[in-house]
Protein backbone atom coordinates (compact mmCIF):
# COMPACT_ATOMS: atom_id res chain seq x y z
CA MET A 1 -8.94 -13.63 25.67
CA SER A 2 -5.36 -13.64 24.37
CA THR A 3 -2.83 -10.85 24.10
CA ILE A 4 -1.76 -10.67 20.49
CA ALA A 5 1.08 -8.66 18.98
CA VAL A 6 1.01 -7.72 15.30
CA THR A 7 3.83 -6.47 13.11
CA GLY A 8 2.89 -4.88 9.81
CA ALA A 9 -0.32 -3.39 11.24
CA THR A 10 -0.21 -0.55 8.71
CA GLY A 11 0.14 -3.02 5.84
CA TYR A 12 -2.48 -4.47 3.55
CA ILE A 13 -3.01 -7.71 5.51
CA GLY A 14 -2.17 -6.41 8.98
CA GLY A 15 -4.54 -3.47 8.67
CA ARG A 16 -7.40 -5.92 8.06
CA LEU A 17 -6.31 -8.58 10.53
CA VAL A 18 -6.18 -6.25 13.55
CA PRO A 19 -9.90 -5.31 13.54
CA LEU A 20 -10.78 -8.98 12.97
CA LEU A 21 -8.78 -10.00 16.04
CA LEU A 22 -10.45 -7.25 18.06
CA GLU A 23 -13.88 -8.47 16.94
CA ARG A 24 -12.96 -11.92 18.23
CA GLY A 25 -12.29 -10.49 21.68
CA HIS A 26 -8.49 -10.40 21.76
CA ARG A 27 -6.26 -7.71 23.23
CA VAL A 28 -4.05 -6.37 20.45
CA ARG A 29 -0.70 -4.61 20.51
CA VAL A 30 0.87 -3.33 17.28
CA LEU A 31 4.31 -2.21 16.16
CA THR A 32 4.61 0.74 13.80
CA ARG A 33 7.41 3.02 12.74
CA SER A 34 5.26 6.07 13.49
CA ALA A 35 2.20 6.09 15.73
CA ASP A 36 0.80 8.98 13.66
CA ARG A 37 0.23 6.58 10.77
CA LEU A 38 -2.50 4.94 12.82
CA ARG A 39 -4.17 8.16 13.96
CA ASP A 40 -7.15 7.90 11.64
CA VAL A 41 -7.76 4.14 11.52
CA PRO A 42 -11.09 3.27 13.18
CA TRP A 43 -9.54 0.82 15.65
CA ARG A 44 -6.75 3.11 16.92
CA GLU A 45 -8.17 3.56 20.44
CA GLN A 46 -8.69 -0.18 20.88
CA VAL A 47 -5.05 -1.21 20.52
CA GLU A 48 -1.78 -0.59 22.31
CA VAL A 49 0.81 0.99 20.03
CA VAL A 50 4.56 0.41 20.24
CA SER A 51 6.60 2.85 18.14
CA GLY A 52 9.72 1.50 16.49
CA THR A 53 11.05 -0.85 13.84
CA LEU A 54 11.85 -4.55 13.75
CA GLU A 55 15.55 -3.69 13.80
CA ASP A 56 15.02 -1.82 17.10
CA GLY A 57 15.53 -4.55 19.69
CA SER A 58 14.00 -2.59 22.55
CA ALA A 59 10.83 -1.83 20.55
CA VAL A 60 10.43 -5.51 19.54
CA ALA A 61 10.96 -6.52 23.18
CA ARG A 62 8.13 -4.18 24.25
CA LEU A 63 5.93 -5.61 21.52
CA CYS A 64 6.51 -9.20 22.64
CA ALA A 65 6.32 -8.67 26.40
CA GLY A 66 3.38 -10.67 27.75
CA ALA A 67 2.15 -11.64 24.27
CA ASP A 68 0.55 -15.04 23.79
CA VAL A 69 0.76 -14.84 19.99
CA VAL A 70 2.91 -12.70 17.70
CA TYR A 71 2.09 -12.22 14.00
CA TYR A 72 5.02 -11.58 11.67
CA LEU A 73 3.48 -9.95 8.59
CA VAL A 74 6.40 -7.88 7.33
CA HIS A 75 8.15 -8.42 4.02
CA SER A 76 10.27 -5.94 2.10
CA MET A 77 9.50 -5.23 -1.53
CA SER A 78 12.66 -3.20 -1.90
CA SER A 79 14.96 -3.62 -4.86
CA THR A 80 18.07 -2.60 -2.93
CA LYS A 81 20.95 -5.05 -2.83
CA ASN A 82 20.89 -5.32 0.96
CA PHE A 83 17.17 -5.94 1.48
CA MET A 84 17.78 -9.64 2.20
CA ALA A 85 20.31 -8.82 4.91
CA ALA A 86 17.86 -6.32 6.44
CA GLU A 87 15.11 -8.94 6.47
CA GLU A 88 17.38 -11.42 8.18
CA ARG A 89 18.28 -8.86 10.86
CA CYS A 90 14.59 -8.21 11.49
CA ALA A 91 13.86 -11.94 11.78
CA HIS A 92 16.72 -12.46 14.24
CA SER A 93 15.50 -9.47 16.26
CA MET A 94 12.02 -10.96 16.46
CA LEU A 95 13.29 -14.42 17.36
CA LYS A 96 15.42 -13.02 20.20
CA ALA A 97 12.58 -10.91 21.63
CA ALA A 98 9.98 -13.66 21.32
CA THR A 99 12.30 -16.17 23.00
CA GLU A 100 13.14 -13.86 25.90
CA ALA A 101 9.44 -13.00 26.38
CA SER A 102 8.44 -16.70 26.27
CA VAL A 103 5.88 -15.99 23.54
CA GLY A 104 3.56 -18.96 23.14
CA GLN A 105 3.16 -18.84 19.37
CA LEU A 106 4.67 -17.13 16.33
CA VAL A 107 2.57 -16.88 13.15
CA TYR A 108 4.37 -16.01 9.92
CA LEU A 109 2.75 -15.23 6.56
CA SER A 110 5.06 -16.36 3.76
CA GLY A 111 4.58 -17.07 0.07
CA LEU A 112 3.81 -20.17 -1.96
CA HIS A 113 6.89 -21.30 -3.82
CA PRO A 114 8.18 -24.32 -5.72
CA GLU A 115 11.18 -26.44 -4.77
CA GLY A 116 14.52 -25.46 -6.22
CA GLU A 117 15.93 -22.07 -7.19
CA LEU A 118 13.80 -19.10 -6.14
CA SER A 119 13.67 -15.39 -6.90
CA ASP A 120 15.41 -13.16 -4.37
CA HIS A 121 12.13 -12.14 -2.77
CA LEU A 122 10.75 -15.67 -2.42
CA ALA A 123 14.14 -16.91 -1.21
CA SER A 124 14.19 -14.14 1.38
CA ARG A 125 10.73 -15.10 2.62
CA ALA A 126 11.82 -18.71 2.96
CA LYS A 127 14.99 -17.66 4.81
CA VAL A 128 13.00 -15.53 7.26
CA GLY A 129 10.81 -18.54 7.99
CA ARG A 130 13.85 -20.70 8.72
CA ILE A 131 15.23 -18.08 11.10
CA LEU A 132 11.95 -17.65 12.97
CA GLY A 133 11.62 -21.42 13.27
CA SER A 134 15.17 -22.01 14.50
CA GLY A 135 14.43 -21.13 18.12
CA PRO A 136 12.25 -22.55 20.90
CA VAL A 137 9.14 -20.50 20.09
CA PRO A 138 6.55 -22.59 18.18
CA LEU A 139 6.15 -21.27 14.63
CA LEU A 140 3.16 -21.60 12.34
CA THR A 141 3.94 -20.57 8.76
CA LEU A 142 1.14 -19.97 6.28
CA GLN A 143 2.25 -19.85 2.64
CA ALA A 144 -0.10 -17.87 0.38
CA GLY A 145 0.06 -17.12 -3.31
CA LEU A 146 -1.54 -14.09 -4.95
CA VAL A 147 -3.89 -12.42 -2.47
CA ILE A 148 -6.95 -11.12 -4.30
CA GLY A 149 -8.92 -8.32 -2.70
CA SER A 150 -9.73 -4.66 -3.16
CA GLY A 151 -6.48 -2.74 -2.93
CA SER A 152 -4.10 -5.71 -2.97
CA ALA A 153 -0.99 -5.33 -5.13
CA SER A 154 -1.71 -8.57 -7.00
CA PHE A 155 -5.28 -7.54 -7.77
CA GLU A 156 -4.23 -4.06 -8.91
CA MET A 157 -1.60 -5.55 -11.19
CA ILE A 158 -4.18 -7.86 -12.82
CA ARG A 159 -6.79 -5.10 -12.97
CA HIS A 160 -4.67 -2.53 -14.72
CA LEU A 161 -3.01 -4.96 -17.11
CA SER A 162 -6.48 -6.17 -18.13
CA ASP A 163 -8.00 -2.69 -18.33
CA VAL A 164 -5.35 -1.04 -20.47
CA LEU A 165 -4.89 -3.10 -23.63
CA PRO A 166 -7.14 -5.49 -25.58
CA VAL A 167 -4.00 -7.09 -27.08
CA MET A 168 -1.14 -7.56 -24.68
CA PRO A 169 2.35 -8.87 -25.37
CA ALA A 170 3.53 -10.67 -22.26
CA PRO A 171 6.42 -12.80 -21.04
CA ARG A 172 6.10 -16.56 -20.98
CA TRP A 173 5.37 -16.58 -17.25
CA VAL A 174 1.77 -15.61 -18.05
CA LEU A 175 1.31 -19.32 -18.80
CA ASN A 176 2.65 -20.43 -15.40
CA LYS A 177 0.10 -21.70 -12.91
CA VAL A 178 -0.69 -19.80 -9.74
CA GLN A 179 -3.28 -20.44 -7.03
CA PRO A 180 -4.77 -17.15 -5.81
CA ILE A 181 -6.55 -16.80 -2.49
CA ALA A 182 -9.28 -14.31 -1.61
CA VAL A 183 -8.16 -11.90 1.09
CA ARG A 184 -11.14 -12.90 3.24
CA ASP A 185 -9.96 -16.53 3.21
CA ALA A 186 -6.36 -15.58 4.02
CA LEU A 187 -7.63 -13.55 6.98
CA HIS A 188 -9.81 -16.46 8.08
CA TYR A 189 -6.80 -18.75 8.40
CA LEU A 190 -4.60 -16.09 9.99
CA ALA A 191 -7.15 -15.10 12.62
CA ARG A 192 -7.79 -18.68 13.66
CA CYS A 193 -4.10 -19.34 14.17
CA ALA A 194 -4.46 -17.25 17.34
CA GLU A 195 -7.02 -19.69 18.72
CA LEU A 196 -5.16 -22.97 18.22
CA PRO A 197 -3.66 -24.88 21.14
CA ALA A 198 -0.42 -23.26 22.25
CA GLY A 199 2.71 -24.78 20.81
CA SER A 200 1.57 -25.46 17.24
CA TRP A 201 4.35 -26.03 14.73
CA GLY A 202 4.30 -26.48 10.98
CA THR A 203 4.25 -24.96 7.50
CA TYR A 204 0.93 -24.95 5.65
CA ASP A 205 -0.05 -23.90 2.14
CA ILE A 206 -3.21 -21.84 1.77
CA GLY A 207 -4.87 -21.02 -1.52
CA GLY A 208 -8.14 -20.87 -3.37
CA PRO A 209 -9.94 -23.92 -4.75
CA LEU A 210 -8.42 -23.77 -8.26
CA ALA A 211 -5.19 -22.90 -10.06
CA TYR A 212 -5.00 -20.62 -13.09
CA SER A 213 -2.41 -19.29 -15.48
CA TYR A 214 -1.80 -15.57 -15.19
CA ALA A 215 -3.36 -15.13 -18.63
CA GLU A 216 -6.49 -16.89 -17.35
CA LEU A 217 -6.57 -14.58 -14.34
CA MET A 218 -6.63 -11.54 -16.62
CA ARG A 219 -9.33 -12.98 -18.85
CA SER A 220 -11.48 -13.97 -15.87
CA TYR A 221 -11.05 -10.48 -14.41
CA ALA A 222 -12.21 -8.96 -17.71
CA VAL A 223 -15.41 -11.06 -17.59
CA GLN A 224 -16.20 -9.90 -14.05
CA ALA A 225 -15.43 -6.27 -14.94
CA GLY A 226 -17.58 -6.34 -18.08
CA LEU A 227 -14.60 -5.86 -20.39
CA ARG A 228 -13.56 -7.61 -23.58
CA LYS A 229 -11.19 -10.46 -22.77
CA PRO A 230 -7.61 -9.39 -23.49
CA TRP A 231 -5.69 -11.33 -26.10
CA VAL A 232 -2.49 -12.29 -24.28
CA ILE A 233 0.48 -13.15 -26.53
CA PRO A 234 3.41 -14.83 -24.73
CA LEU A 235 6.74 -13.58 -26.05
CA PRO A 236 9.99 -15.39 -25.13
CA LEU A 237 12.03 -12.20 -25.61
CA LEU A 238 10.38 -10.39 -22.69
CA THR A 239 12.86 -10.96 -19.87
CA PRO A 240 11.82 -10.48 -16.22
CA ARG A 241 13.63 -7.14 -16.22
CA LEU A 242 11.80 -5.89 -19.31
CA ALA A 243 8.52 -7.28 -17.98
CA SER A 244 8.91 -5.42 -14.68
CA HIS A 245 9.44 -2.16 -16.61
CA TRP A 246 6.30 -2.92 -18.62
CA VAL A 247 4.26 -3.63 -15.48
CA ASN A 248 5.60 -0.45 -13.88
CA LEU A 249 4.56 1.62 -16.90
CA VAL A 250 1.07 0.15 -17.35
CA THR A 251 0.00 -0.37 -13.72
CA PRO A 252 0.11 1.76 -10.55
CA LEU A 253 2.92 -0.39 -9.12
CA PRO A 254 6.30 1.32 -8.74
CA HIS A 255 9.27 -0.40 -10.31
CA THR A 256 10.49 -1.95 -7.05
CA LEU A 257 7.17 -3.67 -6.34
CA ALA A 258 6.57 -4.59 -9.98
CA GLY A 259 9.98 -6.24 -10.12
CA ALA A 260 9.35 -8.23 -6.95
CA LEU A 261 5.99 -9.50 -8.19
CA VAL A 262 7.30 -10.35 -11.66
CA ASP A 263 10.24 -12.25 -10.15
CA SER A 264 7.86 -14.33 -8.03
CA LEU A 265 5.88 -15.37 -11.13
CA GLN A 266 8.75 -17.11 -12.90
CA HIS A 267 7.60 -20.53 -11.66
CA ASP A 268 4.35 -22.33 -10.88
CA CYS A 269 3.23 -21.46 -7.35
CA LEU A 270 0.62 -24.00 -6.30
CA VAL A 271 -0.85 -25.45 -3.13
CA ARG A 272 0.92 -28.81 -2.74
CA ASN A 273 -1.39 -30.21 -0.08
CA ARG A 274 -4.42 -29.29 2.01
CA ALA A 275 -2.97 -30.23 5.39
CA ILE A 276 -4.27 -26.91 6.70
CA ASP A 277 -7.76 -28.46 6.66
CA GLU A 278 -6.68 -30.80 9.47
CA LEU A 279 -5.70 -27.81 11.60
CA ILE A 280 -8.29 -25.14 10.73
CA ASP A 281 -11.76 -25.58 9.31
CA ARG A 282 -12.42 -23.93 5.96
CA PRO A 283 -14.40 -20.68 5.93
CA GLU A 284 -18.15 -21.03 6.28
CA GLY A 285 -19.49 -21.64 2.80
CA GLY A 286 -16.13 -22.93 1.57
CA LEU A 287 -13.18 -21.29 -0.12
CA THR A 288 -13.88 -18.32 -2.38
CA ASP A 289 -13.10 -19.01 -6.00
CA TYR A 290 -11.17 -16.46 -8.04
CA PRO A 291 -14.09 -15.01 -10.06
CA ARG A 292 -16.04 -14.44 -6.84
CA ALA A 293 -13.00 -12.81 -5.19
CA VAL A 294 -12.70 -10.44 -8.16
CA ALA A 295 -16.41 -9.60 -8.01
CA LEU A 296 -16.15 -8.84 -4.29
CA ALA A 297 -13.11 -6.62 -4.84
CA LEU A 298 -14.80 -4.69 -7.64
CA GLU A 299 -17.87 -4.16 -5.47
CA LYS A 300 -15.69 -2.75 -2.67
CA ILE A 301 -14.15 -0.31 -5.14
CA ARG A 302 -17.53 0.64 -6.59
CA THR A 303 -18.98 1.39 -3.14
CA ASP A 304 -15.85 3.29 -2.03
CA SER A 305 -15.29 0.93 0.91
CA VAL A 306 -11.71 -0.26 0.43
CA ASP A 307 -10.31 -0.89 3.93
CA THR A 308 -6.57 -1.04 3.16
CA ASN A 309 -4.48 -0.89 0.02
CA TRP A 310 -0.98 -1.84 -1.01
CA ALA A 311 0.11 1.73 -1.72
CA THR A 312 -0.40 2.99 1.83
CA ALA A 313 2.05 0.44 3.17
CA HIS A 314 4.51 0.17 0.29
CA PRO A 315 7.56 2.40 0.82
CA VAL A 316 9.06 4.32 -2.07
CA SER A 317 12.52 5.74 -2.54
CA ALA A 318 11.34 9.33 -2.19
CA PRO A 319 12.39 11.12 1.01
CA ALA A 320 9.92 10.63 3.83
CA ASP A 321 11.03 13.56 5.99
CA PRO A 322 8.18 15.87 7.05
CA LEU A 323 8.08 19.49 5.91
CA PRO A 324 10.28 21.59 8.20
CA SER A 325 8.51 24.49 9.90
CA ASP A 326 8.99 27.87 8.22
CA PRO A 327 11.53 29.27 10.72
CA GLU A 328 13.75 26.25 10.02
CA TRP A 329 13.98 27.25 6.37
CA ALA A 330 16.53 29.92 7.23
CA GLY A 331 19.84 29.12 5.58
CA HIS A 332 18.31 26.58 3.21
CA ARG A 333 17.45 27.02 -0.44
CA VAL A 334 13.70 26.59 -0.78
CA TYR A 335 11.33 27.55 -3.58
CA VAL A 336 7.71 28.40 -2.80
CA ASP A 337 4.78 29.10 -5.09
CA GLU A 338 2.15 30.62 -2.78
CA ARG A 339 -1.32 31.77 -3.85
CA THR A 340 -4.30 32.93 -1.79
CA GLN A 341 -7.93 33.68 -2.48
CA ASP A 342 -10.89 34.46 -0.25
CA SER A 343 -14.12 32.55 -0.63
CA ALA A 344 -17.73 32.85 0.47
CA ALA A 345 -17.85 29.07 0.96
CA SER A 346 -17.43 27.68 4.46
CA ALA A 347 -14.22 26.09 5.65
CA ALA A 348 -16.05 22.76 5.82
CA GLY A 349 -17.26 23.14 2.24
CA LEU A 350 -13.81 24.04 0.96
CA PHE A 351 -12.24 21.15 2.84
CA THR A 352 -14.79 18.74 1.40
CA VAL A 353 -13.66 19.71 -2.10
CA LEU A 354 -9.98 19.53 -1.11
CA GLY A 355 -10.61 16.05 0.26
CA ARG A 356 -11.41 14.80 -3.26
CA ILE A 357 -8.08 15.81 -4.73
CA GLY A 358 -6.38 13.29 -6.99
CA GLY A 359 -7.57 9.89 -8.12
CA GLU A 360 -10.65 10.01 -10.33
CA SER A 361 -11.31 13.67 -9.45
CA GLY A 362 -7.92 14.87 -10.66
CA TYR A 363 -6.31 18.16 -9.67
CA PHE A 364 -8.95 20.72 -10.65
CA SER A 365 -6.87 22.04 -13.56
CA PHE A 366 -5.32 21.00 -16.88
CA PRO A 367 -5.77 17.22 -16.57
CA LEU A 368 -3.69 16.52 -19.68
CA LEU A 369 -0.68 18.31 -18.19
CA TRP A 370 -1.01 16.30 -14.97
CA LYS A 371 -1.28 13.06 -16.96
CA ALA A 372 1.78 13.99 -19.02
CA ARG A 373 3.78 14.66 -15.86
CA GLY A 374 2.59 11.36 -14.43
CA LEU A 375 3.73 9.52 -17.54
CA LEU A 376 7.17 11.14 -17.30
CA ASP A 377 7.42 9.99 -13.70
CA LYS A 378 6.47 6.45 -14.72
CA LEU A 379 9.09 6.46 -17.49
CA ALA A 380 11.64 7.47 -14.85
CA GLY A 381 10.62 4.46 -12.73
CA GLY A 382 8.44 6.44 -10.35
CA VAL A 383 4.91 5.80 -9.09
CA GLY A 384 3.14 8.15 -11.52
CA LEU A 385 -0.51 9.10 -11.10
CA ARG A 386 -2.00 5.61 -11.31
CA ARG A 387 -1.85 4.73 -7.61
CA GLY A 388 -5.10 6.62 -7.14
CA ARG A 389 -6.70 6.74 -3.69
CA ARG A 390 -8.08 4.27 -1.19
CA GLN A 391 -11.42 6.08 -1.07
CA ARG A 392 -12.85 8.72 -3.38
CA GLU A 393 -14.36 11.11 -0.82
CA LYS A 394 -12.34 10.64 2.36
CA LEU A 395 -8.70 11.04 3.32
CA ALA A 396 -6.80 9.76 6.34
CA LEU A 397 -3.34 10.56 7.61
CA GLY A 398 -0.80 8.47 5.70
CA ASP A 399 -3.13 7.78 2.77
CA VAL A 400 -1.71 7.71 -0.73
CA VAL A 401 -3.06 10.14 -3.33
CA ASP A 402 -1.46 9.23 -6.66
CA TRP A 403 2.18 10.30 -6.25
CA TRP A 404 1.48 12.12 -2.99
CA ARG A 405 1.09 10.92 0.60
CA VAL A 406 -1.04 12.71 3.18
CA GLU A 407 1.50 14.10 5.64
CA ALA A 408 -0.72 16.45 7.63
CA LEU A 409 -4.50 16.47 7.93
CA GLU A 410 -6.50 18.78 10.19
CA PRO A 411 -10.13 18.81 8.98
CA GLY A 412 -11.31 22.30 8.10
CA GLN A 413 -7.83 23.75 8.52
CA LEU A 414 -4.91 22.00 6.82
CA LEU A 415 -4.11 19.42 4.14
CA ARG A 416 -0.47 18.77 3.26
CA LEU A 417 0.64 16.28 0.64
CA ARG A 418 4.25 15.05 0.43
CA ALA A 419 5.50 14.14 -3.04
CA GLU A 420 6.74 10.61 -3.74
CA MET A 421 7.50 11.26 -7.40
CA ARG A 422 10.98 11.16 -8.90
CA VAL A 423 12.32 14.69 -8.44
CA PRO A 424 15.77 16.02 -7.52
CA GLY A 425 14.69 17.29 -4.14
CA ARG A 426 11.75 17.22 -1.71
CA ALA A 427 8.33 18.61 -2.60
CA TRP A 428 5.01 19.32 -0.88
CA LEU A 429 1.61 20.69 -1.84
CA GLU A 430 -0.17 22.39 1.04
CA PHE A 431 -3.61 23.93 1.57
CA ARG A 432 -4.50 26.07 4.62
CA LEU A 433 -7.84 27.59 5.54
CA SER A 434 -8.27 30.63 7.79
CA ASP A 435 -11.26 32.75 8.77
CA GLN A 436 -11.41 36.31 7.47
CA GLU A 437 -13.71 39.30 8.00
CA ALA A 438 -17.29 39.35 6.72
CA GLY A 439 -17.59 35.60 6.98
CA LYS A 440 -15.02 34.92 4.30
CA VAL A 441 -12.57 32.02 4.36
CA ARG A 442 -9.07 32.38 2.94
CA LEU A 443 -7.56 29.45 1.09
CA THR A 444 -3.77 29.54 0.97
CA GLN A 445 -2.17 27.14 -1.48
CA ARG A 446 1.57 26.51 -1.41
CA ALA A 447 3.84 24.39 -3.58
CA ILE A 448 7.10 23.97 -1.67
CA PHE A 449 10.33 22.55 -3.06
CA PHE A 450 13.69 21.90 -1.39
CA PRO A 451 16.06 21.37 -4.34
CA ARG A 452 18.95 18.91 -4.27
CA GLY A 453 21.99 20.38 -5.98
CA LEU A 454 22.06 22.01 -9.38
CA ALA A 455 19.65 19.42 -10.81
CA GLY A 456 17.02 20.48 -8.29
CA ARG A 457 17.35 24.15 -9.13
CA LEU A 458 17.18 23.45 -12.87
CA TYR A 459 14.11 21.27 -12.32
CA TRP A 460 12.25 24.01 -10.43
CA TRP A 461 12.90 26.66 -13.05
CA SER A 462 12.03 24.29 -15.89
CA VAL A 463 8.55 23.66 -14.47
CA TYR A 464 8.02 27.16 -13.06
CA PRO A 465 6.41 28.55 -16.25
CA PHE A 466 3.64 25.96 -15.88
CA HIS A 467 2.93 26.91 -12.26
CA GLY A 468 1.17 30.11 -13.23
CA LEU A 469 -1.26 28.10 -15.32
CA ILE A 470 -1.72 25.01 -13.17
CA PHE A 471 -1.69 26.35 -9.62
CA SER A 472 -3.70 29.51 -10.26
CA SER A 473 -6.33 27.49 -12.09
CA MET A 474 -6.33 24.89 -9.32
CA LEU A 475 -7.00 27.51 -6.65
CA ARG A 476 -9.83 29.12 -8.61
CA SER A 477 -11.43 25.78 -9.44
CA ILE A 478 -11.42 24.60 -5.83
CA ILE A 479 -13.12 27.77 -4.65
CA THR A 480 -15.60 27.82 -7.52
CA GLN A 481 -16.58 24.21 -6.90
CA ALA A 482 -17.00 24.77 -3.15
CA GLU A 483 -19.10 27.92 -3.69
CA ASN A 484 -21.29 26.20 -6.28
CA GLU A 485 -21.93 23.29 -3.92
CA SER A 486 -22.83 25.66 -1.08
CA THR A 487 -25.34 27.59 -3.21
CA PRO A 488 -28.90 26.24 -2.99
CA ALA A 489 -30.18 24.92 -6.31
């Protein structure tokens, strides 16, 4: 049994690797910015949690202390000018801590890339690998291309581009070759890195059995999804910048992530050799081809069993501060739309309905108005309403719900969603349940907005006339639905 430390445990890959390592009998320690983000994951009680960031040297030292293997699974998808410098600082912090703790093995997940000039994000990944490998700690680097699985950013980009339009103008990079890998195969290689002889060095490409153009990926997805194959028309005038705006508008991906993915597709990204086969056996049954990976991902979505998704881990530019408690509002400008109604439904029944908010279920009122607001957010470069949810019927702390994130979740009592849309201020939508006389339950619904400057105040009053329609209808619909479901047929 090894002691294994994992960075990026709340991410798409890390959140799936941790339970796999636990199943294989390892002790696991994880680093996370906030321990609360792991409160509702099924493996929370089986791991040791270190709170902090990779730039916090003391936190990284605690993570590495006594670790046999450390996984470095963190990569920024920020579009800020200094993201590369931040990534380098994090890599140096990890190298220092791992060296001082005499870690036996570092494992780094990087990206497939060609020789020569690279996009900023691929160049940053390569630079992080060079930093991690510049010290005495043995480094294994796995280089993966597009990871295809339910909830992965690459899969969601392909899915939504293929779903939206039968005829799609696209930049020339849709003809470039890429070599996708099923998430189950990527996890296979990663997990087995922990069980190699100590002191393994090297950089290895991992990918599926075949390469495809991006246009072929979309057509193959359409076949698996039972859709008409899209007609993809490469246009030389679509620059990477314009293409990233197009991807942002049509898919759930925010502009920062869309830009990073588009930049990485400017060149062929192929497996150059299969040297990994000499180090780690292939998965039982062989590598998963792309059509099979798509079919598996669609089945996970259909059965509402998506384990992790890109949106939960991907940061956005919206403020992430929690809602201050009411007494702390004194002296601050805050706008509140509060509505209450008593219901004969139980608290559990009401909370079940609340737990379906967003995604395919919508917001219980005026769906066209919500869609219009989502489109405006997308046009402003925000996340819009297309991010959806990880699961249709169940929420966990930290989950994404369209342009919201679950900030507080107390079953049967409280659900608070923090807005990650583009607004001049900070916004929340909160639902509280409380027992009343005669067996009634009171549902209190609050929309809370802390404006930023004059723009924030103008924004609130511009949307205020719609609140009477949307929020009153939302409250009534939630209660009606809960009471109807509690009434015997």
